[in-house]
Amino acid sequence: MTLRAHLHRDHHRTTAVVAALGATALVLTGCSGDGDGGSQTTSTQAELTTIAASPETQSGPSTSEAPESSAPADDAPDEAAFAEAGTGDKEFMPDKMPGLSIVDTRVGEHDGYDRVVFEFAGDGEPGWHTAYTKKPAQQASGHALDYPGQVALNVMINGVEIDYADPDSAPEVGPAAGPAGYIAGVNHEGVFEADAQYVIGLDRERPYTVTTLQNPTRLVIDFQS
């Protein structure tokens, strides 16, 4: 056999080996695609589907089921109202005696003032009288009243009706709201002859205003802080 024929035969053998190795690699690649690689692809797709669905589930309640506050928003006092604030006695009597019931008492701490709100149901505008004292006394009986804080604002609200056939129709005597800010607390001291008495305890005599708001009817006392 000549040298050229020998080299020619070796060339064909090398080509056949390379072709066989290439075919084997293709077979192995195909098997790999049907094995673990396929499971990983399926798992990744499942995870992406879960992540994509999650924001839609969370966004629903935040837009359509957001809780609403049952308490109405109370208007903030303007600067003109506070210009008339003072520590002296204040009062107001309506032309016609109202027929009201107190349904809520609440307090709030705000920027520049602290607030007490008495909310009513019924007809008319409440009358009221307010005065600072360190020794508040219960109406009718004259008994000394305990209160939180260092000084008390005695609040008399006129035109409060009581259904004596329904004892639960009147607010309970005792702590009614607070504390908040410089307001140490608000105590309800009972209703006598359509006059409801409340005692607001504070750290000291602070300038205050008294305002009536509507829809619903509210008596608002703001203390400068």
N, C-alpha and C. Protein backbone atom coordinates (compact mmCIF):
# COMPACT_ATOMS: atom_id res chain seq x y z
N MET A 1 0.87 -1.20 0.00
CA MET A 1 0.00 0.00 0.00
C MET A 1 0.89 1.23 0.00
N THR A 2 0.53 2.18 -0.85
CA THR A 2 1.34 3.40 -0.95
C THR A 2 1.03 4.31 0.20
N LEU A 3 1.90 5.30 0.42
CA LEU A 3 1.71 6.28 1.51
C LEU A 3 0.46 7.11 1.28
N ARG A 4 0.18 7.45 -0.04
CA ARG A 4 -1.01 8.26 -0.35
C ARG A 4 -2.27 7.50 -0.02
N ALA A 5 -2.33 6.20 -0.35
CA ALA A 5 -3.53 5.41 -0.05
C ALA A 5 -3.74 5.28 1.44
N HIS A 6 -2.65 5.15 2.20
CA HIS A 6 -2.77 5.04 3.66
C HIS A 6 -3.32 6.33 4.26
N LEU A 7 -2.85 7.43 3.80
CA LEU A 7 -3.35 8.72 4.33
C LEU A 7 -4.80 8.93 3.96
N HIS A 8 -5.18 8.49 2.72
CA HIS A 8 -6.56 8.65 2.28
C HIS A 8 -7.50 7.84 3.16
N ARG A 9 -7.08 6.59 3.53
CA ARG A 9 -7.93 5.75 4.39
C ARG A 9 -8.06 6.35 5.79
N ASP A 10 -6.94 6.88 6.34
CA ASP A 10 -7.01 7.52 7.68
C ASP A 10 -7.92 8.73 7.69
N HIS A 11 -7.94 9.45 6.57
CA HIS A 11 -8.81 10.64 6.49
C HIS A 11 -10.27 10.24 6.59
N HIS A 12 -10.68 9.16 5.87
CA HIS A 12 -12.08 8.71 5.94
C HIS A 12 -12.44 8.21 7.33
N ARG A 13 -11.47 7.54 8.01
CA ARG A 13 -11.74 7.04 9.36
C ARG A 13 -11.96 8.19 10.33
N THR A 14 -11.13 9.21 10.23
CA THR A 14 -11.28 10.38 11.11
C THR A 14 -12.62 11.07 10.90
N THR A 15 -13.00 11.18 9.63
CA THR A 15 -14.29 11.82 9.31
C THR A 15 -15.44 11.03 9.90
N ALA A 16 -15.38 9.71 9.81
CA ALA A 16 -16.45 8.86 10.37
C ALA A 16 -16.55 9.00 11.87
N VAL A 17 -15.38 9.08 12.56
CA VAL A 17 -15.38 9.23 14.02
C VAL A 17 -16.00 10.55 14.43
N VAL A 18 -15.63 11.61 13.73
CA VAL A 18 -16.20 12.94 14.05
C VAL A 18 -17.69 12.94 13.85
N ALA A 19 -18.15 12.31 12.75
CA ALA A 19 -19.59 12.25 12.49
C ALA A 19 -20.31 11.48 13.57
N ALA A 20 -19.71 10.38 14.00
CA ALA A 20 -20.33 9.57 15.06
C ALA A 20 -20.41 10.33 16.36
N LEU A 21 -19.34 11.06 16.71
CA LEU A 21 -19.35 11.86 17.94
C LEU A 21 -20.41 12.95 17.87
N GLY A 22 -20.55 13.54 16.70
CA GLY A 22 -21.57 14.58 16.56
C GLY A 22 -22.96 14.03 16.74
N ALA A 23 -23.23 12.85 16.18
CA ALA A 23 -24.55 12.23 16.34
C ALA A 23 -24.84 11.89 17.78
N THR A 24 -23.78 11.40 18.47
CA THR A 24 -23.96 11.07 19.90
C THR A 24 -24.29 12.30 20.71
N ALA A 25 -23.61 13.40 20.37
CA ALA A 25 -23.88 14.66 21.10
C ALA A 25 -25.30 15.12 20.88
N LEU A 26 -25.81 14.96 19.66
CA LEU A 26 -27.19 15.36 19.38
C LEU A 26 -28.17 14.51 20.17
N VAL A 27 -27.89 13.21 20.25
CA VAL A 27 -28.78 12.31 21.01
C VAL A 27 -28.80 12.68 22.47
N LEU A 28 -27.59 12.97 23.04
CA LEU A 28 -27.51 13.34 24.45
C LEU A 28 -28.22 14.66 24.70
N THR A 29 -28.08 15.59 23.77
CA THR A 29 -28.76 16.88 23.93
C THR A 29 -30.26 16.69 23.93
N GLY A 30 -30.73 15.82 23.01
CA GLY A 30 -32.16 15.56 22.97
C GLY A 30 -32.66 14.92 24.23
N CYS A 31 -31.92 14.00 24.81
CA CYS A 31 -32.33 13.36 26.08
C CYS A 31 -32.34 14.37 27.21
N SER A 32 -31.35 15.25 27.20
CA SER A 32 -31.29 16.26 28.27
C SER A 32 -32.49 17.16 28.20
N GLY A 33 -32.95 17.51 27.01
CA GLY A 33 -34.12 18.39 26.88
C GLY A 33 -35.37 17.74 27.39
N ASP A 34 -35.46 16.40 27.33
CA ASP A 34 -36.67 15.73 27.81
C ASP A 34 -36.58 15.40 29.28
N GLY A 35 -35.44 15.69 29.97
CA GLY A 35 -35.26 15.29 31.36
C GLY A 35 -35.41 16.44 32.30
N ASP A 36 -34.35 16.72 33.11
CA ASP A 36 -34.41 17.74 34.14
C ASP A 36 -34.66 19.12 33.57
N GLY A 37 -34.09 19.39 32.40
CA GLY A 37 -34.29 20.73 31.82
C GLY A 37 -35.75 21.03 31.59
N GLY A 38 -36.53 20.04 31.16
CA GLY A 38 -37.96 20.27 30.94
C GLY A 38 -38.67 20.57 32.23
N SER A 39 -38.35 19.91 33.35
CA SER A 39 -38.98 20.17 34.65
C SER A 39 -38.67 21.57 35.13
N GLN A 40 -37.44 22.02 34.92
CA GLN A 40 -37.07 23.37 35.36
C GLN A 40 -37.85 24.41 34.59
N THR A 41 -38.06 24.20 33.31
CA THR A 41 -38.82 25.16 32.51
C THR A 41 -40.25 25.24 32.98
N THR A 42 -40.87 24.09 33.24
CA THR A 42 -42.25 24.07 33.72
C THR A 42 -42.37 24.76 35.07
N SER A 43 -41.43 24.50 35.98
CA SER A 43 -41.46 25.12 37.30
C SER A 43 -41.32 26.62 37.20
N THR A 44 -40.44 27.11 36.32
CA THR A 44 -40.25 28.56 36.16
C THR A 44 -41.52 29.21 35.65
N GLN A 45 -42.17 28.55 34.66
CA GLN A 45 -43.41 29.11 34.14
C GLN A 45 -44.48 29.17 35.21
N ALA A 46 -44.58 28.16 36.06
CA ALA A 46 -45.58 28.16 37.13
C ALA A 46 -45.32 29.29 38.11
N GLU A 47 -44.03 29.51 38.44
CA GLU A 47 -43.71 30.57 39.38
C GLU A 47 -44.05 31.93 38.80
N LEU A 48 -43.78 32.16 37.55
CA LEU A 48 -44.09 33.43 36.91
C LEU A 48 -45.59 33.67 36.88
N THR A 49 -46.35 32.61 36.63
CA THR A 49 -47.80 32.75 36.63
C THR A 49 -48.31 33.16 38.00
N THR A 50 -47.77 32.58 39.07
CA THR A 50 -48.18 32.93 40.43
C THR A 50 -47.84 34.37 40.75
N ILE A 51 -46.65 34.81 40.41
CA ILE A 51 -46.22 36.18 40.70
C ILE A 51 -47.07 37.18 39.94
N ALA A 52 -47.42 36.85 38.68
CA ALA A 52 -48.21 37.77 37.88
C ALA A 52 -49.61 37.91 38.43
N ALA A 53 -50.17 36.85 39.01
CA ALA A 53 -51.54 36.90 39.51
C ALA A 53 -51.62 37.58 40.86
N SER A 54 -50.54 37.60 41.64
CA SER A 54 -50.58 38.13 42.99
C SER A 54 -50.97 39.59 43.07
N PRO A 55 -50.38 40.53 42.25
CA PRO A 55 -50.77 41.94 42.37
C PRO A 55 -52.23 42.17 42.07
N GLU A 56 -52.83 41.40 41.12
CA GLU A 56 -54.23 41.58 40.80
C GLU A 56 -55.10 41.23 42.00
N THR A 57 -54.74 40.18 42.72
CA THR A 57 -55.51 39.78 43.89
C THR A 57 -55.42 40.82 45.00
N GLN A 58 -54.25 41.42 45.21
CA GLN A 58 -54.07 42.39 46.28
C GLN A 58 -54.66 43.74 45.93
N SER A 59 -54.68 44.10 44.63
CA SER A 59 -55.15 45.43 44.27
C SER A 59 -56.66 45.55 44.35
N GLY A 60 -57.39 44.43 44.27
CA GLY A 60 -58.85 44.51 44.29
C GLY A 60 -59.40 45.14 45.55
N PRO A 61 -59.14 44.57 46.76
CA PRO A 61 -59.71 45.13 47.99
C PRO A 61 -59.27 46.55 48.27
N SER A 62 -58.07 46.94 47.87
CA SER A 62 -57.57 48.27 48.20
C SER A 62 -58.34 49.35 47.47
N THR A 63 -58.99 49.01 46.32
CA THR A 63 -59.70 50.02 45.57
C THR A 63 -61.22 49.92 45.73
N SER A 64 -61.74 48.70 45.89
CA SER A 64 -63.18 48.55 45.93
C SER A 64 -63.73 48.27 47.32
N GLU A 65 -62.86 47.87 48.27
CA GLU A 65 -63.34 47.52 49.59
C GLU A 65 -62.63 48.31 50.67
N ALA A 66 -62.18 49.53 50.35
CA ALA A 66 -61.50 50.36 51.35
C ALA A 66 -62.49 50.75 52.43
N PRO A 67 -62.14 50.59 53.71
CA PRO A 67 -63.07 50.94 54.79
C PRO A 67 -63.32 52.42 54.85
N GLU A 68 -64.54 52.81 55.17
CA GLU A 68 -64.91 54.20 55.31
C GLU A 68 -65.14 54.52 56.77
N SER A 69 -64.75 55.71 57.17
CA SER A 69 -64.93 56.11 58.56
C SER A 69 -66.39 56.44 58.81
N SER A 70 -66.95 55.94 59.90
CA SER A 70 -68.34 56.22 60.23
C SER A 70 -68.50 57.58 60.87
N ALA A 71 -67.43 58.15 61.43
CA ALA A 71 -67.51 59.45 62.09
C ALA A 71 -67.36 60.55 61.06
N PRO A 72 -68.24 61.57 61.06
CA PRO A 72 -68.13 62.66 60.10
C PRO A 72 -66.91 63.51 60.37
N ALA A 73 -66.38 64.13 59.33
CA ALA A 73 -65.23 65.01 59.48
C ALA A 73 -65.69 66.32 60.12
N ASP A 74 -64.99 66.78 61.15
CA ASP A 74 -65.31 68.04 61.83
C ASP A 74 -64.46 69.15 61.23
N ASP A 75 -65.11 70.27 60.86
CA ASP A 75 -64.41 71.37 60.22
C ASP A 75 -63.34 71.94 61.14
N ALA A 76 -62.21 72.30 60.55
CA ALA A 76 -61.13 72.94 61.32
C ALA A 76 -61.49 74.40 61.58
N PRO A 77 -61.11 74.95 62.72
CA PRO A 77 -61.41 76.36 63.02
C PRO A 77 -60.58 77.28 62.15
N ASP A 78 -61.12 78.46 61.82
CA ASP A 78 -60.35 79.43 61.05
C ASP A 78 -59.67 80.41 62.00
N GLU A 79 -58.77 81.22 61.44
CA GLU A 79 -58.00 82.15 62.26
C GLU A 79 -58.91 83.20 62.90
N ALA A 80 -59.97 83.60 62.20
CA ALA A 80 -60.88 84.61 62.75
C ALA A 80 -61.56 84.10 64.02
N ALA A 81 -61.90 82.82 64.03
CA ALA A 81 -62.56 82.25 65.21
C ALA A 81 -61.62 82.26 66.40
N PHE A 82 -60.36 81.91 66.21
CA PHE A 82 -59.40 81.90 67.30
C PHE A 82 -59.02 83.30 67.75
N ALA A 83 -59.24 84.29 66.90
CA ALA A 83 -58.96 85.67 67.31
C ALA A 83 -59.89 86.10 68.43
N GLU A 84 -61.04 85.44 68.53
CA GLU A 84 -62.02 85.76 69.58
C GLU A 84 -61.93 84.79 70.76
N ALA A 85 -60.93 83.93 70.76
CA ALA A 85 -60.80 82.96 71.85
C ALA A 85 -60.43 83.67 73.15
N GLY A 86 -60.92 83.13 74.26
CA GLY A 86 -60.62 83.69 75.57
C GLY A 86 -60.91 82.68 76.65
N THR A 87 -60.69 83.07 77.89
CA THR A 87 -60.92 82.17 79.02
C THR A 87 -62.18 82.53 79.82
N GLY A 88 -62.90 83.55 79.39
CA GLY A 88 -64.10 83.97 80.11
C GLY A 88 -65.29 83.07 79.86
N ASP A 89 -66.38 83.31 80.64
CA ASP A 89 -67.61 82.54 80.46
C ASP A 89 -68.21 82.84 79.09
N LYS A 90 -68.88 81.86 78.53
CA LYS A 90 -69.55 82.02 77.23
C LYS A 90 -70.91 81.34 77.31
N GLU A 91 -71.88 81.85 76.51
CA GLU A 91 -73.19 81.22 76.49
C GLU A 91 -73.95 81.56 75.21
N PHE A 92 -74.92 80.71 74.91
CA PHE A 92 -75.80 80.93 73.76
C PHE A 92 -77.14 80.29 74.08
N MET A 93 -78.24 81.03 73.78
CA MET A 93 -79.59 80.49 73.96
C MET A 93 -80.35 80.64 72.65
N PRO A 94 -80.85 79.54 72.09
CA PRO A 94 -81.60 79.62 70.83
C PRO A 94 -82.98 80.24 71.06
N ASP A 95 -83.58 80.71 69.97
CA ASP A 95 -84.92 81.30 70.08
C ASP A 95 -85.97 80.25 70.43
N LYS A 96 -85.76 79.03 69.98
CA LYS A 96 -86.70 77.95 70.24
C LYS A 96 -85.97 76.79 70.91
N MET A 97 -86.59 76.24 71.95
CA MET A 97 -85.98 75.13 72.66
C MET A 97 -85.89 73.91 71.75
N PRO A 98 -84.71 73.33 71.58
CA PRO A 98 -84.57 72.17 70.69
C PRO A 98 -85.01 70.88 71.36
N GLY A 99 -85.11 69.85 70.57
CA GLY A 99 -85.37 68.50 71.08
C GLY A 99 -84.26 67.59 70.60
N LEU A 100 -83.21 67.48 71.39
CA LEU A 100 -81.99 66.78 70.98
C LEU A 100 -81.63 65.64 71.92
N SER A 101 -80.85 64.74 71.41
CA SER A 101 -80.21 63.71 72.25
C SER A 101 -78.75 63.64 71.85
N ILE A 102 -77.88 63.43 72.83
CA ILE A 102 -76.44 63.35 72.57
C ILE A 102 -76.10 61.92 72.20
N VAL A 103 -75.55 61.75 71.00
CA VAL A 103 -75.26 60.40 70.50
C VAL A 103 -73.77 60.08 70.50
N ASP A 104 -72.92 61.09 70.65
CA ASP A 104 -71.48 60.81 70.65
C ASP A 104 -70.73 61.97 71.30
N THR A 105 -69.68 61.63 72.01
CA THR A 105 -68.75 62.61 72.58
C THR A 105 -67.35 62.15 72.22
N ARG A 106 -66.54 63.01 71.62
CA ARG A 106 -65.20 62.62 71.20
C ARG A 106 -64.23 63.79 71.36
N VAL A 107 -62.96 63.46 71.42
CA VAL A 107 -61.90 64.47 71.56
C VAL A 107 -60.85 64.21 70.50
N GLY A 108 -60.06 65.25 70.20
CA GLY A 108 -59.01 65.10 69.20
C GLY A 108 -57.89 66.10 69.43
N GLU A 109 -56.67 65.66 69.17
CA GLU A 109 -55.49 66.52 69.25
C GLU A 109 -55.11 66.94 67.84
N HIS A 110 -54.98 68.26 67.61
CA HIS A 110 -54.69 68.79 66.29
C HIS A 110 -53.54 69.78 66.36
N ASP A 111 -53.05 70.18 65.20
CA ASP A 111 -51.96 71.14 65.13
C ASP A 111 -52.46 72.52 65.55
N GLY A 112 -52.08 72.96 66.73
CA GLY A 112 -52.46 74.29 67.21
C GLY A 112 -53.68 74.33 68.10
N TYR A 113 -54.42 73.24 68.19
CA TYR A 113 -55.61 73.23 69.05
C TYR A 113 -56.00 71.80 69.39
N ASP A 114 -56.73 71.67 70.52
CA ASP A 114 -57.33 70.40 70.93
C ASP A 114 -58.84 70.59 70.95
N ARG A 115 -59.59 69.55 70.61
CA ARG A 115 -61.02 69.71 70.36
C ARG A 115 -61.87 68.70 71.11
N VAL A 116 -63.03 69.18 71.57
CA VAL A 116 -64.09 68.32 72.12
C VAL A 116 -65.32 68.50 71.25
N VAL A 117 -65.95 67.39 70.86
CA VAL A 117 -67.14 67.44 70.01
C VAL A 117 -68.27 66.68 70.68
N PHE A 118 -69.43 67.35 70.78
CA PHE A 118 -70.67 66.71 71.22
C PHE A 118 -71.57 66.61 69.98
N GLU A 119 -71.95 65.40 69.63
CA GLU A 119 -72.79 65.20 68.44
C GLU A 119 -74.22 64.85 68.86
N PHE A 120 -75.19 65.42 68.11
CA PHE A 120 -76.60 65.29 68.49
C PHE A 120 -77.42 64.63 67.39
N ALA A 121 -78.53 64.03 67.81
CA ALA A 121 -79.61 63.63 66.92
C ALA A 121 -80.85 64.39 67.36
N GLY A 122 -81.77 64.65 66.42
CA GLY A 122 -82.97 65.40 66.77
C GLY A 122 -83.06 66.71 66.03
N ASP A 123 -83.92 67.59 66.53
CA ASP A 123 -84.21 68.85 65.85
C ASP A 123 -83.75 70.04 66.68
N GLY A 124 -83.32 71.09 65.96
CA GLY A 124 -82.97 72.34 66.62
C GLY A 124 -81.49 72.50 66.88
N GLU A 125 -81.16 73.66 67.46
CA GLU A 125 -79.78 74.01 67.79
C GLU A 125 -79.63 74.08 69.30
N PRO A 126 -78.61 73.45 69.86
CA PRO A 126 -78.49 73.42 71.32
C PRO A 126 -78.11 74.78 71.90
N GLY A 127 -78.64 75.06 73.08
CA GLY A 127 -78.13 76.18 73.86
C GLY A 127 -77.00 75.67 74.74
N TRP A 128 -76.16 76.60 75.24
CA TRP A 128 -75.04 76.15 76.05
C TRP A 128 -74.48 77.28 76.91
N HIS A 129 -73.80 76.89 77.97
CA HIS A 129 -73.09 77.82 78.84
C HIS A 129 -71.80 77.15 79.29
N THR A 130 -70.69 77.88 79.23
CA THR A 130 -69.39 77.33 79.62
C THR A 130 -68.69 78.27 80.59
N ALA A 131 -67.96 77.70 81.55
CA ALA A 131 -67.22 78.51 82.53
C ALA A 131 -66.10 77.67 83.14
N TYR A 132 -64.95 78.30 83.33
CA TYR A 132 -63.83 77.65 84.01
C TYR A 132 -64.06 77.65 85.52
N THR A 133 -63.65 76.57 86.17
CA THR A 133 -63.71 76.48 87.62
C THR A 133 -62.75 75.39 88.10
N LYS A 134 -62.27 75.53 89.31
CA LYS A 134 -61.46 74.47 89.91
C LYS A 134 -62.28 73.59 90.83
N LYS A 135 -63.54 74.01 91.08
CA LYS A 135 -64.41 73.24 91.96
C LYS A 135 -65.79 73.10 91.33
N PRO A 136 -65.91 72.29 90.28
CA PRO A 136 -67.22 72.12 89.66
C PRO A 136 -68.18 71.38 90.59
N ALA A 137 -69.45 71.75 90.51
CA ALA A 137 -70.49 71.13 91.34
C ALA A 137 -71.58 70.56 90.45
N GLN A 138 -72.14 69.45 90.87
CA GLN A 138 -73.21 68.82 90.10
C GLN A 138 -74.46 69.68 90.16
N GLN A 139 -75.10 69.86 89.00
CA GLN A 139 -76.33 70.64 88.97
C GLN A 139 -77.39 69.97 89.84
N ALA A 140 -78.25 70.77 90.40
CA ALA A 140 -79.35 70.34 91.27
C ALA A 140 -78.87 69.93 92.65
N SER A 141 -77.94 68.98 92.76
CA SER A 141 -77.51 68.50 94.08
C SER A 141 -76.43 69.38 94.70
N GLY A 142 -75.59 69.99 93.88
CA GLY A 142 -74.50 70.81 94.40
C GLY A 142 -73.30 70.01 94.89
N HIS A 143 -73.31 68.71 94.69
CA HIS A 143 -72.20 67.87 95.13
C HIS A 143 -70.93 68.19 94.34
N ALA A 144 -69.79 68.19 95.05
CA ALA A 144 -68.51 68.44 94.39
C ALA A 144 -68.20 67.29 93.42
N LEU A 145 -67.64 67.65 92.28
CA LEU A 145 -67.35 66.67 91.24
C LEU A 145 -65.84 66.47 91.07
N ASP A 146 -65.45 65.23 90.95
CA ASP A 146 -64.06 64.91 90.63
C ASP A 146 -63.86 65.00 89.12
N TYR A 147 -62.65 65.35 88.72
CA TYR A 147 -62.35 65.46 87.29
C TYR A 147 -60.85 65.29 87.08
N PRO A 148 -60.44 64.89 85.89
CA PRO A 148 -59.00 64.77 85.60
C PRO A 148 -58.41 66.14 85.29
N GLY A 149 -57.12 66.31 85.56
CA GLY A 149 -56.48 67.58 85.23
C GLY A 149 -56.41 68.54 86.40
N GLN A 150 -56.01 69.79 86.09
CA GLN A 150 -55.80 70.82 87.11
C GLN A 150 -56.93 71.83 87.19
N VAL A 151 -57.69 71.99 86.12
CA VAL A 151 -58.80 72.93 86.10
C VAL A 151 -59.88 72.36 85.20
N ALA A 152 -61.13 72.77 85.44
CA ALA A 152 -62.25 72.21 84.69
C ALA A 152 -63.00 73.29 83.94
N LEU A 153 -63.45 72.95 82.74
CA LEU A 153 -64.42 73.78 82.02
C LEU A 153 -65.77 73.11 82.20
N ASN A 154 -66.67 73.79 82.92
CA ASN A 154 -68.01 73.26 83.15
C ASN A 154 -68.88 73.61 81.94
N VAL A 155 -69.50 72.60 81.33
CA VAL A 155 -70.30 72.78 80.12
C VAL A 155 -71.73 72.36 80.39
N MET A 156 -72.67 73.30 80.21
CA MET A 156 -74.09 73.00 80.33
C MET A 156 -74.70 73.09 78.94
N ILE A 157 -75.35 72.01 78.51
CA ILE A 157 -75.97 71.95 77.18
C ILE A 157 -77.47 71.89 77.36
N ASN A 158 -78.18 72.85 76.77
CA ASN A 158 -79.63 72.98 76.94
C ASN A 158 -80.38 72.30 75.80
N GLY A 159 -81.55 71.76 76.14
CA GLY A 159 -82.41 71.15 75.12
C GLY A 159 -82.16 69.69 74.87
N VAL A 160 -81.64 68.98 75.88
CA VAL A 160 -81.35 67.55 75.74
C VAL A 160 -82.51 66.75 76.32
N GLU A 161 -83.18 66.00 75.48
CA GLU A 161 -84.33 65.22 75.92
C GLU A 161 -83.92 63.84 76.40
N ILE A 162 -84.70 63.32 77.34
CA ILE A 162 -84.48 61.96 77.85
C ILE A 162 -85.81 61.21 77.79
N ASP A 163 -85.77 60.02 77.24
CA ASP A 163 -86.93 59.15 77.27
C ASP A 163 -86.86 58.34 78.56
N TYR A 164 -87.62 58.76 79.57
CA TYR A 164 -87.53 58.12 80.88
C TYR A 164 -88.06 56.68 80.86
N ALA A 165 -88.80 56.34 79.81
CA ALA A 165 -89.25 54.95 79.67
C ALA A 165 -88.13 54.06 79.14
N ASP A 166 -87.08 54.69 78.63
CA ASP A 166 -85.93 53.95 78.11
C ASP A 166 -84.66 54.49 78.76
N PRO A 167 -84.23 53.91 79.86
CA PRO A 167 -83.05 54.42 80.57
C PRO A 167 -81.79 54.44 79.72
N ASP A 168 -81.72 53.59 78.70
CA ASP A 168 -80.52 53.53 77.86
C ASP A 168 -80.45 54.68 76.86
N SER A 169 -81.49 55.51 76.79
CA SER A 169 -81.49 56.60 75.83
C SER A 169 -80.57 57.74 76.24
N ALA A 170 -80.22 57.83 77.52
CA ALA A 170 -79.34 58.90 78.01
C ALA A 170 -77.91 58.40 78.10
N PRO A 171 -76.92 59.27 77.84
CA PRO A 171 -75.52 58.87 78.00
C PRO A 171 -75.23 58.47 79.44
N GLU A 172 -74.36 57.51 79.62
CA GLU A 172 -74.01 57.07 80.97
C GLU A 172 -73.22 58.15 81.69
N VAL A 173 -73.45 58.27 82.99
CA VAL A 173 -72.70 59.21 83.82
C VAL A 173 -71.31 58.63 84.06
N GLY A 174 -70.30 59.49 83.91
CA GLY A 174 -68.92 59.05 84.10
C GLY A 174 -68.04 59.50 82.96
N PRO A 175 -66.84 58.94 82.84
CA PRO A 175 -65.93 59.33 81.75
C PRO A 175 -66.58 59.12 80.39
N ALA A 176 -66.50 60.16 79.55
CA ALA A 176 -67.15 60.11 78.24
C ALA A 176 -66.16 60.11 77.08
N ALA A 177 -64.97 60.72 77.28
CA ALA A 177 -63.98 60.78 76.19
C ALA A 177 -62.65 61.25 76.75
N GLY A 178 -61.60 61.07 75.94
CA GLY A 178 -60.28 61.57 76.30
C GLY A 178 -59.41 60.49 76.93
N PRO A 179 -58.15 60.86 77.15
CA PRO A 179 -57.54 62.18 76.96
C PRO A 179 -57.07 62.40 75.52
N ALA A 180 -56.71 63.67 75.22
CA ALA A 180 -56.14 64.02 73.93
C ALA A 180 -55.44 65.37 74.07
N GLY A 181 -54.16 65.41 73.77
CA GLY A 181 -53.41 66.66 73.89
C GLY A 181 -53.44 67.19 75.31
N TYR A 182 -53.85 68.46 75.46
CA TYR A 182 -53.93 69.08 76.79
C TYR A 182 -55.26 68.80 77.47
N ILE A 183 -56.15 68.07 76.80
CA ILE A 183 -57.42 67.68 77.40
C ILE A 183 -57.20 66.40 78.21
N ALA A 184 -57.37 66.50 79.53
CA ALA A 184 -57.13 65.34 80.40
C ALA A 184 -58.28 64.35 80.35
N GLY A 185 -59.48 64.81 80.00
CA GLY A 185 -60.63 63.93 79.93
C GLY A 185 -61.93 64.71 79.96
N VAL A 186 -63.02 64.04 79.58
CA VAL A 186 -64.35 64.63 79.58
C VAL A 186 -65.27 63.71 80.37
N ASN A 187 -65.95 64.25 81.38
CA ASN A 187 -66.89 63.48 82.20
C ASN A 187 -68.32 63.96 81.96
N HIS A 188 -69.23 63.00 81.84
CA HIS A 188 -70.66 63.33 81.78
C HIS A 188 -71.22 63.24 83.19
N GLU A 189 -71.92 64.31 83.62
CA GLU A 189 -72.41 64.37 85.01
C GLU A 189 -73.93 64.32 85.11
N GLY A 190 -74.61 63.92 84.03
CA GLY A 190 -76.05 63.72 84.11
C GLY A 190 -76.87 64.78 83.41
N VAL A 191 -78.17 64.49 83.27
CA VAL A 191 -79.14 65.40 82.64
C VAL A 191 -80.23 65.70 83.65
N PHE A 192 -80.54 67.00 83.78
CA PHE A 192 -81.59 67.43 84.71
C PHE A 192 -82.38 68.55 84.05
N GLU A 193 -83.71 68.32 83.91
CA GLU A 193 -84.60 69.31 83.30
C GLU A 193 -84.07 69.79 81.95
N ALA A 194 -83.70 68.83 81.10
CA ALA A 194 -83.25 69.07 79.72
C ALA A 194 -81.88 69.73 79.63
N ASP A 195 -81.16 69.82 80.76
CA ASP A 195 -79.80 70.36 80.75
C ASP A 195 -78.80 69.24 81.01
N ALA A 196 -77.91 69.01 80.05
CA ALA A 196 -76.85 68.00 80.21
C ALA A 196 -75.59 68.70 80.70
N GLN A 197 -74.94 68.11 81.69
CA GLN A 197 -73.73 68.70 82.27
C GLN A 197 -72.51 67.84 81.93
N TYR A 198 -71.47 68.51 81.43
CA TYR A 198 -70.19 67.86 81.15
C TYR A 198 -69.07 68.68 81.79
N VAL A 199 -68.05 67.99 82.25
CA VAL A 199 -66.88 68.64 82.84
C VAL A 199 -65.65 68.22 82.03
N ILE A 200 -64.96 69.22 81.47
CA ILE A 200 -63.75 68.97 80.68
C ILE A 200 -62.54 69.33 81.53
N GLY A 201 -61.68 68.36 81.79
CA GLY A 201 -60.47 68.62 82.58
C GLY A 201 -59.30 68.99 81.69
N LEU A 202 -58.55 70.04 82.11
CA LEU A 202 -57.38 70.49 81.35
C LEU A 202 -56.20 70.72 82.28
N ASP A 203 -55.03 70.99 81.67
CA ASP A 203 -53.83 71.25 82.47
C ASP A 203 -53.84 72.65 83.07
N ARG A 204 -54.51 73.60 82.37
CA ARG A 204 -54.63 74.98 82.85
C ARG A 204 -55.74 75.65 82.05
N GLU A 205 -56.10 76.87 82.44
CA GLU A 205 -57.11 77.61 81.68
C GLU A 205 -56.52 78.02 80.33
N ARG A 206 -57.08 77.50 79.29
CA ARG A 206 -56.62 77.81 77.94
C ARG A 206 -57.69 78.58 77.18
N PRO A 207 -57.30 79.55 76.33
CA PRO A 207 -58.29 80.25 75.50
C PRO A 207 -59.06 79.23 74.66
N TYR A 208 -60.36 79.45 74.53
CA TYR A 208 -61.18 78.48 73.80
C TYR A 208 -62.29 79.18 73.03
N THR A 209 -62.85 78.47 72.08
CA THR A 209 -64.01 78.94 71.33
C THR A 209 -65.08 77.86 71.37
N VAL A 210 -66.34 78.27 71.19
CA VAL A 210 -67.47 77.33 71.13
C VAL A 210 -68.21 77.60 69.82
N THR A 211 -68.42 76.56 69.04
CA THR A 211 -69.05 76.69 67.72
C THR A 211 -70.08 75.59 67.53
N THR A 212 -71.15 75.91 66.80
CA THR A 212 -72.14 74.91 66.43
C THR A 212 -72.00 74.59 64.95
N LEU A 213 -71.89 73.32 64.63
CA LEU A 213 -71.81 72.85 63.25
C LEU A 213 -73.05 72.03 62.91
N GLN A 214 -73.36 71.95 61.62
CA GLN A 214 -74.57 71.26 61.18
C GLN A 214 -74.22 70.04 60.32
N ASN A 215 -75.26 69.20 60.14
CA ASN A 215 -75.18 68.02 59.26
C ASN A 215 -74.04 67.07 59.62
N PRO A 216 -74.09 66.40 60.73
CA PRO A 216 -75.10 66.48 61.78
C PRO A 216 -74.82 67.63 62.74
N THR A 217 -75.78 67.89 63.62
CA THR A 217 -75.62 68.96 64.61
C THR A 217 -74.53 68.58 65.61
N ARG A 218 -73.56 69.51 65.77
CA ARG A 218 -72.45 69.27 66.70
C ARG A 218 -72.13 70.55 67.46
N LEU A 219 -71.80 70.40 68.73
CA LEU A 219 -71.28 71.50 69.54
C LEU A 219 -69.78 71.24 69.68
N VAL A 220 -68.97 72.20 69.22
CA VAL A 220 -67.52 72.01 69.14
C VAL A 220 -66.83 73.02 70.04
N ILE A 221 -65.96 72.54 70.91
CA ILE A 221 -65.15 73.40 71.78
C ILE A 221 -63.69 73.18 71.42
N ASP A 222 -63.02 74.25 70.99
CA ASP A 222 -61.61 74.19 70.60
C ASP A 222 -60.76 74.95 71.61
N PHE A 223 -59.72 74.29 72.09
CA PHE A 223 -58.78 74.90 73.04
C PHE A 223 -57.45 75.16 72.33
N GLN A 224 -56.94 76.37 72.45
CA GLN A 224 -55.64 76.67 71.86
C GLN A 224 -54.55 75.90 72.61
N SER A 225 -53.64 75.30 71.84
CA SER A 225 -52.58 74.50 72.45
C SER A 225 -51.23 75.20 72.33
